[in-house]
Every structure is written in C-alpha cells, then in structure tokens.
Amino acid sequence: MTTDDQIDELPDDLNPAGFVGAYLFPDNSRRRWPGVMYLGFAAIIAAVYFLANDAAVVNAGWLVAAVVLAAVGLFSISSGWRMTVDEKEALVAAQGAVGFAVGHASAQQVWRGLRSRPTWRVLCYSAEEPPAQRGLVLVDAVDGRILEHLVEINDEADLESAAG
C-alpha cells in the first residue's frame, strides 16, 4: 500500500453517521465501584506493611501508597452521586428558568464542587430567527434544582442583522 492509498477514517464505533438512537449519559454512581476497589487494595497494602514490615522490599512507601489509595477510594465513593435528572429534564427546567420560548438549546454535563456533584450546563436561545435572547442555566443533576441562570440580549443577532 502506498501513501496515496492511505486514508484517515474513524472506526465504526466512533462514526456518527452509523449512530442510531438516543445517547445515554453514564450515571456518576459508577464511581463507587472503583472507590471500593481502591479501598480494598489500600487494606491489602496496609496489611502487608504491618504484617511483613521486616521484609526487605516492604518500607514506608507501602504505608504511603495505602494512605493515598484510601484517600482516592473515599473521594471516588463520596463523589459517586446518583443522577436523577437527564438532559431532557434539564432542558425543560432551563426553559422555565429563562422565561422565554426556547428554540435551539444544548446541555453539557459538568461537575461542581470538591465532591464533583454532577450538573447540567444548558445553553439556550430564544425561538425567534435570529434569536433575540440567550440564556445559560445550571441545573443540578441530582435533585433538579436551578443553581444559577443568566439571561441576556443576544448581541450576535445584532451583528447578523447589521451584516445581512
């Protein structure tokens, strides 16, 4: 095969043209399982340190590794929030928060705070063409509360009408 014959292409599982159905965002509660595994490894490493500390290969590094793994495990478990609000429900909640009829909108999953609480960041535009308003709404993915929202005049609409 020559260099002229080589083409860049996506693998079948990443090709959006072959995608069928709605995308399901993974639930953050999946973080709990690795957390439990980290705690298990931390317990094993700590047991080796305390039971075989006279061995040549066992030193204080084993105890440090056990403490770090335990801390990471506790963080993984504590940040494993169960999401009860999906992106469609977040879009509906955002429409209620901005106070105008929403045309185009998109939702992005983000995390807030030290314990990584899942949050939907929803960007929405009013239904006029071009949109006169835009809004940014943060919706808690655990309980559906509106955390923050901002509504403003869409300056891009002024630029489009001036250019066209």
N, C-alpha and C. Protein backbone atom coordinates (compact mmCIF):
# COMPACT_ATOMS: atom_id res chain seq x y z
N MET A 1 0.85 -1.18 0.00
CA MET A 1 0.00 0.00 0.00
C MET A 1 0.89 1.24 0.00
N THR A 2 0.65 2.16 -0.91
CA THR A 2 1.43 3.38 -0.98
C THR A 2 0.80 4.45 -0.10
N THR A 3 1.51 5.56 0.09
CA THR A 3 0.98 6.64 0.92
C THR A 3 -0.25 7.28 0.29
N ASP A 4 -0.40 7.17 -1.04
CA ASP A 4 -1.58 7.71 -1.69
C ASP A 4 -2.84 6.91 -1.37
N ASP A 5 -2.65 5.62 -1.04
CA ASP A 5 -3.78 4.75 -0.74
C ASP A 5 -4.27 4.85 0.70
N GLN A 6 -3.48 5.44 1.57
CA GLN A 6 -3.86 5.52 2.99
C GLN A 6 -4.83 6.68 3.21
N ILE A 7 -5.91 6.38 3.89
CA ILE A 7 -6.90 7.42 4.18
C ILE A 7 -7.19 7.39 5.68
N ASP A 8 -7.47 8.58 6.20
CA ASP A 8 -7.89 8.70 7.60
C ASP A 8 -9.37 8.44 7.69
N GLU A 9 -9.77 7.55 8.58
CA GLU A 9 -11.20 7.33 8.78
C GLU A 9 -11.43 6.90 10.22
N LEU A 10 -12.62 7.23 10.70
CA LEU A 10 -12.99 6.87 12.05
C LEU A 10 -13.33 5.39 12.14
N PRO A 11 -13.05 4.78 13.29
CA PRO A 11 -13.52 3.41 13.47
C PRO A 11 -15.05 3.40 13.49
N ASP A 12 -15.65 2.25 13.18
CA ASP A 12 -17.11 2.15 13.07
C ASP A 12 -17.82 2.58 14.34
N ASP A 13 -17.24 2.28 15.53
CA ASP A 13 -17.94 2.61 16.77
C ASP A 13 -17.89 4.10 17.09
N LEU A 14 -17.04 4.87 16.40
CA LEU A 14 -16.97 6.32 16.61
C LEU A 14 -17.58 7.12 15.48
N ASN A 15 -18.04 6.47 14.45
CA ASN A 15 -18.60 7.15 13.30
C ASN A 15 -20.03 7.60 13.60
N PRO A 16 -20.29 8.92 13.65
CA PRO A 16 -21.64 9.39 13.99
C PRO A 16 -22.68 9.08 12.93
N ALA A 17 -22.27 8.82 11.70
CA ALA A 17 -23.24 8.52 10.64
C ALA A 17 -23.94 7.18 10.91
N GLY A 18 -23.26 6.27 11.58
CA GLY A 18 -23.86 4.98 11.87
C GLY A 18 -24.58 4.93 13.20
N PHE A 19 -24.68 6.06 13.89
CA PHE A 19 -25.31 6.10 15.21
C PHE A 19 -26.82 6.05 15.09
N VAL A 20 -27.44 5.19 15.88
CA VAL A 20 -28.90 5.08 15.89
C VAL A 20 -29.35 5.13 17.35
N GLY A 21 -30.33 5.99 17.65
CA GLY A 21 -30.91 6.04 18.99
C GLY A 21 -30.39 7.20 19.81
N ALA A 22 -30.96 7.34 20.97
CA ALA A 22 -30.58 8.42 21.88
C ALA A 22 -29.35 8.04 22.67
N TYR A 23 -28.50 9.02 22.93
CA TYR A 23 -27.30 8.79 23.72
C TYR A 23 -27.68 8.83 25.19
N LEU A 24 -27.21 7.89 25.97
CA LEU A 24 -27.49 7.85 27.39
C LEU A 24 -26.22 8.21 28.14
N PHE A 25 -26.26 9.34 28.87
CA PHE A 25 -25.10 9.73 29.66
C PHE A 25 -24.91 8.74 30.79
N PRO A 26 -23.68 8.34 31.06
CA PRO A 26 -23.45 7.38 32.15
C PRO A 26 -23.70 8.05 33.50
N ASP A 27 -24.20 7.27 34.44
CA ASP A 27 -24.50 7.76 35.78
C ASP A 27 -23.21 7.85 36.59
N ASN A 28 -23.07 8.92 37.35
CA ASN A 28 -21.87 9.12 38.16
C ASN A 28 -21.74 8.12 39.30
N SER A 29 -22.80 7.41 39.62
CA SER A 29 -22.72 6.45 40.71
C SER A 29 -21.78 5.29 40.36
N ARG A 30 -21.40 5.20 39.09
CA ARG A 30 -20.42 4.18 38.69
C ARG A 30 -19.07 4.41 39.34
N ARG A 31 -18.82 5.62 39.86
CA ARG A 31 -17.55 5.92 40.52
C ARG A 31 -17.38 5.15 41.82
N ARG A 32 -18.46 4.64 42.37
CA ARG A 32 -18.38 3.95 43.66
C ARG A 32 -17.61 2.65 43.58
N TRP A 33 -17.78 1.89 42.48
CA TRP A 33 -17.10 0.61 42.36
C TRP A 33 -15.58 0.74 42.35
N PRO A 34 -15.00 1.64 41.57
CA PRO A 34 -13.54 1.80 41.66
C PRO A 34 -13.12 2.25 43.06
N GLY A 35 -13.95 3.08 43.71
CA GLY A 35 -13.64 3.52 45.07
C GLY A 35 -13.54 2.36 46.04
N VAL A 36 -14.47 1.41 45.93
CA VAL A 36 -14.43 0.22 46.78
C VAL A 36 -13.19 -0.60 46.48
N MET A 37 -12.83 -0.70 45.19
CA MET A 37 -11.63 -1.45 44.83
C MET A 37 -10.37 -0.77 45.37
N TYR A 38 -10.31 0.56 45.29
CA TYR A 38 -9.16 1.28 45.85
C TYR A 38 -9.04 1.04 47.35
N LEU A 39 -10.17 1.06 48.05
CA LEU A 39 -10.13 0.81 49.49
C LEU A 39 -9.67 -0.62 49.78
N GLY A 40 -10.10 -1.57 48.96
CA GLY A 40 -9.65 -2.95 49.14
C GLY A 40 -8.15 -3.09 48.94
N PHE A 41 -7.64 -2.47 47.88
CA PHE A 41 -6.19 -2.52 47.65
C PHE A 41 -5.43 -1.81 48.77
N ALA A 42 -5.97 -0.70 49.26
CA ALA A 42 -5.33 0.02 50.36
C ALA A 42 -5.26 -0.87 51.60
N ALA A 43 -6.32 -1.62 51.89
CA ALA A 43 -6.32 -2.52 53.05
C ALA A 43 -5.30 -3.63 52.89
N ILE A 44 -5.20 -4.18 51.68
CA ILE A 44 -4.21 -5.24 51.44
C ILE A 44 -2.80 -4.70 51.60
N ILE A 45 -2.53 -3.54 51.02
CA ILE A 45 -1.18 -2.96 51.10
C ILE A 45 -0.85 -2.60 52.54
N ALA A 46 -1.80 -2.06 53.29
CA ALA A 46 -1.56 -1.73 54.70
C ALA A 46 -1.31 -3.00 55.50
N ALA A 47 -2.06 -4.07 55.21
CA ALA A 47 -1.84 -5.34 55.92
C ALA A 47 -0.44 -5.88 55.64
N VAL A 48 0.01 -5.80 54.38
CA VAL A 48 1.37 -6.24 54.06
C VAL A 48 2.39 -5.41 54.82
N TYR A 49 2.18 -4.10 54.89
CA TYR A 49 3.12 -3.22 55.60
C TYR A 49 3.21 -3.59 57.08
N PHE A 50 2.06 -3.80 57.73
CA PHE A 50 2.07 -4.07 59.16
C PHE A 50 2.46 -5.51 59.50
N LEU A 51 2.16 -6.46 58.63
CA LEU A 51 2.45 -7.86 58.92
C LEU A 51 3.83 -8.31 58.43
N ALA A 52 4.35 -7.68 57.40
CA ALA A 52 5.63 -8.10 56.84
C ALA A 52 6.60 -6.94 56.77
N ASN A 53 6.59 -6.07 57.78
CA ASN A 53 7.45 -4.89 57.71
C ASN A 53 8.93 -5.21 57.89
N ASP A 54 9.26 -6.44 58.25
CA ASP A 54 10.67 -6.82 58.35
C ASP A 54 11.23 -7.35 57.04
N ALA A 55 10.38 -7.49 56.03
CA ALA A 55 10.83 -7.95 54.71
C ALA A 55 11.66 -6.85 54.04
N ALA A 56 12.56 -7.26 53.16
CA ALA A 56 13.48 -6.32 52.52
C ALA A 56 12.77 -5.34 51.58
N VAL A 57 11.68 -5.76 50.95
CA VAL A 57 11.01 -4.90 49.98
C VAL A 57 9.89 -4.06 50.59
N VAL A 58 9.58 -4.27 51.85
CA VAL A 58 8.50 -3.53 52.50
C VAL A 58 9.10 -2.37 53.29
N ASN A 59 8.68 -1.16 52.92
CA ASN A 59 9.18 0.03 53.60
C ASN A 59 8.04 1.02 53.81
N ALA A 60 8.36 2.23 54.19
CA ALA A 60 7.33 3.25 54.47
C ALA A 60 6.53 3.61 53.21
N GLY A 61 7.08 3.37 52.04
CA GLY A 61 6.37 3.64 50.80
C GLY A 61 5.08 2.84 50.70
N TRP A 62 5.05 1.64 51.26
CA TRP A 62 3.83 0.84 51.25
C TRP A 62 2.73 1.52 52.05
N LEU A 63 3.09 2.09 53.19
CA LEU A 63 2.09 2.78 54.01
C LEU A 63 1.59 4.04 53.31
N VAL A 64 2.50 4.77 52.65
CA VAL A 64 2.11 5.96 51.89
C VAL A 64 1.16 5.57 50.76
N ALA A 65 1.48 4.48 50.07
CA ALA A 65 0.61 4.01 48.98
C ALA A 65 -0.77 3.64 49.51
N ALA A 66 -0.83 2.99 50.68
CA ALA A 66 -2.11 2.61 51.27
C ALA A 66 -2.93 3.84 51.63
N VAL A 67 -2.29 4.86 52.18
CA VAL A 67 -2.99 6.08 52.57
C VAL A 67 -3.51 6.81 51.32
N VAL A 68 -2.69 6.90 50.27
CA VAL A 68 -3.11 7.58 49.03
C VAL A 68 -4.27 6.82 48.38
N LEU A 69 -4.16 5.50 48.29
CA LEU A 69 -5.26 4.71 47.71
C LEU A 69 -6.53 4.84 48.54
N ALA A 70 -6.42 4.88 49.86
CA ALA A 70 -7.60 5.04 50.70
C ALA A 70 -8.25 6.41 50.47
N ALA A 71 -7.42 7.46 50.35
CA ALA A 71 -7.96 8.80 50.10
C ALA A 71 -8.66 8.86 48.75
N VAL A 72 -8.05 8.29 47.72
CA VAL A 72 -8.67 8.27 46.39
C VAL A 72 -9.95 7.44 46.42
N GLY A 73 -9.94 6.33 47.13
CA GLY A 73 -11.13 5.50 47.25
C GLY A 73 -12.27 6.22 47.94
N LEU A 74 -11.98 6.93 49.03
CA LEU A 74 -13.02 7.68 49.72
C LEU A 74 -13.57 8.80 48.84
N PHE A 75 -12.68 9.46 48.10
CA PHE A 75 -13.15 10.50 47.18
C PHE A 75 -14.05 9.90 46.11
N SER A 76 -13.67 8.78 45.54
CA SER A 76 -14.48 8.14 44.50
C SER A 76 -15.85 7.75 45.02
N ILE A 77 -15.90 7.24 46.22
CA ILE A 77 -17.19 6.85 46.79
C ILE A 77 -18.04 8.07 47.09
N SER A 78 -17.42 9.11 47.67
CA SER A 78 -18.20 10.29 48.06
C SER A 78 -18.63 11.12 46.85
N SER A 79 -17.97 10.98 45.72
CA SER A 79 -18.35 11.73 44.52
C SER A 79 -19.22 10.91 43.57
N GLY A 80 -19.64 9.75 44.01
CA GLY A 80 -20.47 8.87 43.18
C GLY A 80 -21.94 9.19 43.32
N TRP A 81 -22.33 10.40 42.94
CA TRP A 81 -23.73 10.83 43.04
C TRP A 81 -24.60 10.07 42.05
N ARG A 82 -25.81 9.71 42.47
CA ARG A 82 -26.77 9.10 41.56
C ARG A 82 -27.54 10.22 40.86
N MET A 83 -27.47 10.26 39.54
CA MET A 83 -28.15 11.29 38.75
C MET A 83 -29.61 10.89 38.55
N THR A 84 -30.52 11.79 38.93
CA THR A 84 -31.95 11.52 38.73
C THR A 84 -32.54 12.41 37.64
N VAL A 85 -31.77 13.37 37.15
CA VAL A 85 -32.24 14.30 36.12
C VAL A 85 -31.41 14.07 34.86
N ASP A 86 -32.07 13.72 33.76
CA ASP A 86 -31.34 13.54 32.50
C ASP A 86 -31.32 14.86 31.73
N GLU A 87 -30.68 14.85 30.55
CA GLU A 87 -30.51 16.10 29.80
C GLU A 87 -31.84 16.66 29.30
N LYS A 88 -32.80 15.80 29.01
CA LYS A 88 -34.11 16.29 28.55
C LYS A 88 -34.83 17.04 29.67
N GLU A 89 -34.80 16.48 30.87
CA GLU A 89 -35.42 17.15 32.02
C GLU A 89 -34.70 18.45 32.34
N ALA A 90 -33.38 18.48 32.15
CA ALA A 90 -32.62 19.70 32.38
C ALA A 90 -33.00 20.78 31.37
N LEU A 91 -33.25 20.40 30.13
CA LEU A 91 -33.68 21.37 29.11
C LEU A 91 -35.04 21.95 29.45
N VAL A 92 -35.94 21.13 29.97
CA VAL A 92 -37.26 21.62 30.36
C VAL A 92 -37.14 22.57 31.55
N ALA A 93 -36.32 22.21 32.53
CA ALA A 93 -36.11 23.08 33.69
C ALA A 93 -35.47 24.40 33.27
N ALA A 94 -34.56 24.35 32.31
CA ALA A 94 -33.89 25.57 31.84
C ALA A 94 -34.89 26.50 31.16
N GLN A 95 -35.80 25.94 30.39
CA GLN A 95 -36.80 26.78 29.73
C GLN A 95 -37.65 27.51 30.76
N GLY A 96 -37.99 26.86 31.84
CA GLY A 96 -38.74 27.52 32.89
C GLY A 96 -37.94 28.61 33.59
N ALA A 97 -36.63 28.44 33.67
CA ALA A 97 -35.78 29.42 34.37
C ALA A 97 -35.52 30.67 33.54
N VAL A 98 -35.39 30.52 32.21
CA VAL A 98 -35.04 31.68 31.39
C VAL A 98 -36.23 32.57 31.09
N GLY A 99 -37.43 32.02 31.09
CA GLY A 99 -38.61 32.84 30.91
C GLY A 99 -38.94 33.22 29.48
N PHE A 100 -38.36 32.56 28.49
CA PHE A 100 -38.74 32.79 27.10
C PHE A 100 -38.85 31.44 26.40
N ALA A 101 -39.55 31.44 25.27
CA ALA A 101 -39.69 30.21 24.49
C ALA A 101 -38.34 29.87 23.88
N VAL A 102 -37.88 28.67 24.13
CA VAL A 102 -36.54 28.26 23.70
C VAL A 102 -36.62 27.64 22.32
N GLY A 103 -35.72 28.08 21.45
CA GLY A 103 -35.57 27.49 20.12
C GLY A 103 -34.47 26.45 20.17
N HIS A 104 -33.24 26.87 19.92
CA HIS A 104 -32.09 25.97 19.97
C HIS A 104 -31.56 25.93 21.40
N ALA A 105 -31.12 24.73 21.81
CA ALA A 105 -30.55 24.57 23.15
C ALA A 105 -29.60 23.38 23.14
N SER A 106 -28.67 23.39 24.06
CA SER A 106 -27.78 22.24 24.22
C SER A 106 -27.45 22.08 25.70
N ALA A 107 -27.27 20.83 26.11
CA ALA A 107 -26.95 20.52 27.51
C ALA A 107 -25.60 19.84 27.55
N GLN A 108 -24.82 20.21 28.54
CA GLN A 108 -23.50 19.64 28.74
C GLN A 108 -23.37 19.23 30.19
N GLN A 109 -22.85 18.04 30.44
CA GLN A 109 -22.68 17.60 31.82
C GLN A 109 -21.34 18.10 32.35
N VAL A 110 -21.39 18.76 33.50
CA VAL A 110 -20.20 19.27 34.17
C VAL A 110 -20.27 18.86 35.64
N TRP A 111 -19.21 19.12 36.38
CA TRP A 111 -19.18 18.76 37.79
C TRP A 111 -18.81 19.99 38.60
N ARG A 112 -19.43 20.12 39.78
CA ARG A 112 -19.22 21.29 40.63
C ARG A 112 -18.76 20.86 42.01
N GLY A 113 -17.89 21.66 42.57
CA GLY A 113 -17.50 21.48 43.96
C GLY A 113 -16.46 20.41 44.18
N LEU A 114 -16.03 20.31 45.42
CA LEU A 114 -14.99 19.37 45.81
C LEU A 114 -15.41 17.92 45.61
N ARG A 115 -16.68 17.62 45.84
CA ARG A 115 -17.18 16.26 45.69
C ARG A 115 -17.73 15.99 44.30
N SER A 116 -17.48 16.86 43.35
CA SER A 116 -17.84 16.66 41.94
C SER A 116 -19.32 16.33 41.75
N ARG A 117 -20.18 17.20 42.22
CA ARG A 117 -21.63 16.99 42.06
C ARG A 117 -21.99 17.22 40.59
N PRO A 118 -22.66 16.25 39.94
CA PRO A 118 -22.99 16.41 38.52
C PRO A 118 -24.02 17.51 38.31
N THR A 119 -23.79 18.30 37.27
CA THR A 119 -24.62 19.45 36.96
C THR A 119 -24.79 19.52 35.45
N TRP A 120 -25.98 19.93 35.02
CA TRP A 120 -26.21 20.16 33.60
C TRP A 120 -26.01 21.65 33.32
N ARG A 121 -25.17 21.97 32.37
CA ARG A 121 -24.99 23.35 31.91
C ARG A 121 -25.77 23.46 30.60
N VAL A 122 -26.83 24.26 30.62
CA VAL A 122 -27.73 24.36 29.47
C VAL A 122 -27.60 25.74 28.84
N LEU A 123 -27.25 25.76 27.58
CA LEU A 123 -27.19 27.00 26.80
C LEU A 123 -28.40 27.00 25.89
N CYS A 124 -29.20 28.07 25.96
CA CYS A 124 -30.42 28.10 25.15
C CYS A 124 -30.60 29.47 24.50
N TYR A 125 -31.21 29.44 23.33
CA TYR A 125 -31.51 30.65 22.56
C TYR A 125 -33.01 30.75 22.38
N SER A 126 -33.51 31.98 22.29
CA SER A 126 -34.94 32.18 22.09
C SER A 126 -35.34 31.69 20.71
N ALA A 127 -36.67 31.51 20.53
CA ALA A 127 -37.18 30.86 19.33
C ALA A 127 -37.22 31.77 18.10
N GLU A 128 -37.00 33.08 18.24
CA GLU A 128 -37.03 33.97 17.06
C GLU A 128 -35.85 33.65 16.13
N GLU A 129 -35.97 34.15 14.91
CA GLU A 129 -34.88 33.96 13.95
C GLU A 129 -34.43 35.31 13.45
N PRO A 130 -33.28 35.83 13.74
CA PRO A 130 -32.29 35.27 14.64
C PRO A 130 -32.73 35.43 16.10
N PRO A 131 -32.19 34.61 16.99
CA PRO A 131 -32.61 34.65 18.39
C PRO A 131 -32.31 36.00 19.03
N ALA A 132 -33.29 36.55 19.73
CA ALA A 132 -33.13 37.85 20.38
C ALA A 132 -32.50 37.72 21.76
N GLN A 133 -32.67 36.57 22.41
CA GLN A 133 -32.13 36.36 23.75
C GLN A 133 -31.40 35.04 23.83
N ARG A 134 -30.53 34.96 24.82
CA ARG A 134 -29.85 33.70 25.10
C ARG A 134 -29.74 33.55 26.61
N GLY A 135 -29.63 32.33 27.04
CA GLY A 135 -29.55 32.08 28.46
C GLY A 135 -28.62 30.93 28.77
N LEU A 136 -28.05 30.98 29.96
CA LEU A 136 -27.19 29.92 30.47
C LEU A 136 -27.77 29.51 31.81
N VAL A 137 -28.08 28.23 31.96
CA VAL A 137 -28.72 27.73 33.18
C VAL A 137 -27.93 26.53 33.69
N LEU A 138 -27.68 26.51 35.00
CA LEU A 138 -27.06 25.36 35.64
C LEU A 138 -28.12 24.62 36.43
N VAL A 139 -28.34 23.36 36.07
CA VAL A 139 -29.37 22.53 36.69
C VAL A 139 -28.67 21.38 37.42
N ASP A 140 -28.97 21.22 38.70
CA ASP A 140 -28.40 20.13 39.48
C ASP A 140 -28.92 18.81 38.94
N ALA A 141 -28.01 17.88 38.61
CA ALA A 141 -28.40 16.61 38.01
C ALA A 141 -28.85 15.59 39.06
N VAL A 142 -28.68 15.93 40.34
CA VAL A 142 -29.10 15.02 41.39
C VAL A 142 -30.54 15.28 41.81
N ASP A 143 -30.90 16.56 42.03
CA ASP A 143 -32.24 16.87 42.50
C ASP A 143 -33.02 17.82 41.61
N GLY A 144 -32.44 18.31 40.51
CA GLY A 144 -33.16 19.13 39.54
C GLY A 144 -33.29 20.60 39.90
N ARG A 145 -32.64 21.05 40.98
CA ARG A 145 -32.71 22.47 41.34
C ARG A 145 -32.00 23.32 40.30
N ILE A 146 -32.51 24.54 40.12
CA ILE A 146 -31.81 25.52 39.29
C ILE A 146 -30.76 26.17 40.18
N LEU A 147 -29.50 25.97 39.87
CA LEU A 147 -28.42 26.51 40.70
C LEU A 147 -28.12 27.96 40.35
N GLU A 148 -28.04 28.25 39.07
CA GLU A 148 -27.77 29.60 38.60
C GLU A 148 -28.40 29.75 37.22
N HIS A 149 -28.72 30.99 36.87
CA HIS A 149 -29.16 31.24 35.50
C HIS A 149 -28.83 32.68 35.13
N LEU A 150 -28.58 32.85 33.86
CA LEU A 150 -28.24 34.16 33.31
C LEU A 150 -28.98 34.29 31.99
N VAL A 151 -29.67 35.41 31.82
CA VAL A 151 -30.38 35.70 30.57
C VAL A 151 -29.88 37.05 30.09
N GLU A 152 -29.59 37.13 28.79
CA GLU A 152 -29.12 38.39 28.23
C GLU A 152 -29.60 38.54 26.79
N ILE A 153 -29.50 39.76 26.30
CA ILE A 153 -29.80 40.04 24.90
C ILE A 153 -28.72 39.38 24.05
N ASN A 154 -29.11 38.77 22.97
CA ASN A 154 -28.16 38.10 22.09
C ASN A 154 -27.51 39.14 21.17
N ASP A 155 -26.30 39.53 21.50
CA ASP A 155 -25.57 40.50 20.68
C ASP A 155 -25.24 39.95 19.30
N GLU A 156 -25.14 38.64 19.19
CA GLU A 156 -24.84 38.04 17.89
C GLU A 156 -25.97 38.31 16.89
N ALA A 157 -27.20 38.40 17.37
CA ALA A 157 -28.33 38.68 16.49
C ALA A 157 -28.19 40.08 15.88
N ASP A 158 -27.71 41.05 16.67
CA ASP A 158 -27.49 42.40 16.16
C ASP A 158 -26.40 42.40 15.09
N LEU A 159 -25.35 41.61 15.31
CA LEU A 159 -24.26 41.54 14.33
C LEU A 159 -24.73 40.92 13.02
N GLU A 160 -25.59 39.87 13.12
CA GLU A 160 -26.08 39.21 11.92
C GLU A 160 -26.99 40.13 11.12
N SER A 161 -27.86 40.86 11.82
CA SER A 161 -28.78 41.75 11.08
C SER A 161 -28.03 42.93 10.48
N ALA A 162 -26.96 43.39 11.13
CA ALA A 162 -26.17 44.51 10.58
C ALA A 162 -25.37 44.06 9.35
N ALA A 163 -24.88 42.81 9.39
CA ALA A 163 -24.07 42.28 8.29
C ALA A 163 -24.95 41.88 7.11
N GLY A 164 -26.17 41.45 7.37
CA GLY A 164 -27.01 40.94 6.28
C GLY A 164 -27.91 41.99 5.80
